[in-house]
């Protein structure tokens, strides 16, 4: 899980924060902080599907799964355990 967390975090920092992870906590809400908008979430989903060989279904497109690094890592853990 730690490696997965680092991969997700690095993707967010590189693609949305321009390499500056100052202030990014695992619990920081992407939408509330304005860090990532709805279009950006679609980019994150594409990355997750490609990088971790999962499929994100429409009913899984909820903040509890995708609105922070911590939420994404928990979601990935659940998806990968079910596979």
Protein backbone atom coordinates (compact mmCIF):
# COMPACT_ATOMS: atom_id res chain seq x y z
CA UNK A 1 0.00 0.00 0.00
CA UNK A 2 2.86 2.39 0.74
CA UNK A 3 4.24 2.05 -2.80
CA UNK A 4 0.75 2.57 -4.23
CA UNK A 5 0.34 5.68 -2.07
CA UNK A 6 3.64 7.09 -3.31
CA UNK A 7 2.71 6.43 -6.96
CA UNK A 8 -0.66 8.16 -6.59
CA UNK A 9 0.83 11.05 -4.66
CA UNK A 10 3.60 11.53 -7.24
CA UNK A 11 1.04 11.56 -10.05
CA UNK A 12 -1.07 14.21 -8.29
CA UNK A 13 1.96 16.38 -7.47
CA UNK A 14 3.45 16.13 -10.96
CA UNK A 15 0.24 16.64 -12.92
CA UNK A 16 -1.80 19.04 -10.79
CA UNK A 17 0.59 20.78 -8.40
CA UNK A 18 3.49 21.32 -10.81
CA UNK A 19 5.92 19.46 -8.58
CA UNK A 20 5.11 21.40 -5.38
CA UNK A 21 3.66 19.05 -2.76
CA UNK A 22 3.78 21.68 -0.01
CA UNK A 23 0.62 21.32 2.05
CA UNK A 24 -0.66 18.16 0.36
CA UNK A 25 -1.84 15.77 3.05
CA UNK A 26 -3.33 12.35 2.34
CA UNK A 27 -6.66 13.70 3.56
CA UNK A 28 -6.64 16.96 1.53
CA UNK A 29 -9.85 17.13 -0.52
CA UNK A 30 -9.02 17.74 -4.18
CA UNK A 31 -12.37 19.38 -4.93
CA UNK A 32 -12.70 21.48 -1.75
CA UNK A 33 -9.15 22.79 -2.08
CA UNK A 34 -9.65 23.57 -5.76
CA UNK A 35 -6.62 21.46 -6.56
CA UNK A 36 -8.44 19.24 -9.07
CA UNK A 37 -11.70 19.97 -10.85
CA UNK A 38 -14.17 17.50 -12.34
CA UNK A 39 -12.20 17.26 -15.58
CA UNK A 40 -9.05 16.57 -13.60
CA UNK A 41 -10.80 13.75 -11.75
CA UNK A 42 -11.42 12.13 -15.15
CA UNK A 43 -7.67 12.33 -15.80
CA UNK A 44 -7.00 10.74 -12.41
CA UNK A 45 -9.43 7.92 -13.23
CA UNK A 46 -7.71 7.30 -16.56
CA UNK A 47 -4.35 7.15 -14.78
CA UNK A 48 -5.66 4.73 -12.15
CA UNK A 49 -7.20 2.42 -14.74
CA UNK A 50 -4.01 2.33 -16.79
CA UNK A 51 -1.47 2.21 -13.96
CA UNK A 52 -3.24 -0.28 -11.70
CA UNK A 53 -5.16 -2.33 -14.30
CA UNK A 54 -8.57 -1.65 -12.78
CA UNK A 55 -11.90 -0.44 -14.13
CA UNK A 56 -13.66 2.41 -12.31
CA UNK A 57 -17.40 1.95 -12.74
CA UNK A 58 -19.90 4.82 -12.84
CA UNK A 59 -21.30 3.97 -9.40
CA UNK A 60 -17.76 4.26 -7.95
CA UNK A 61 -17.33 7.88 -9.08
CA UNK A 62 -17.92 9.32 -5.63
CA UNK A 63 -15.77 11.54 -3.37
CA UNK A 64 -15.38 8.73 -0.85
CA UNK A 65 -13.31 6.91 -3.49
CA UNK A 66 -11.53 9.66 -5.39
CA UNK A 67 -11.35 12.98 -3.52
CA UNK A 68 -7.98 12.63 -1.79
CA UNK A 69 -4.80 10.58 -1.90
CA UNK A 70 -6.01 8.59 1.11
CA UNK A 71 -9.41 7.92 -0.44
CA UNK A 72 -7.82 6.77 -3.70
CA UNK A 73 -5.41 4.42 -1.93
CA UNK A 74 -8.26 2.89 0.09
CA UNK A 75 -10.35 2.52 -3.06
CA UNK A 76 -7.46 0.89 -4.93
CA UNK A 77 -6.89 -1.51 -2.05
CA UNK A 78 -10.53 -2.57 -2.18
CA UNK A 79 -10.53 -2.92 -5.98
CA UNK A 80 -7.33 -4.93 -6.08
CA UNK A 81 -8.42 -7.21 -3.24
CA UNK A 82 -11.65 -7.98 -5.10
CA UNK A 83 -9.78 -8.81 -8.32
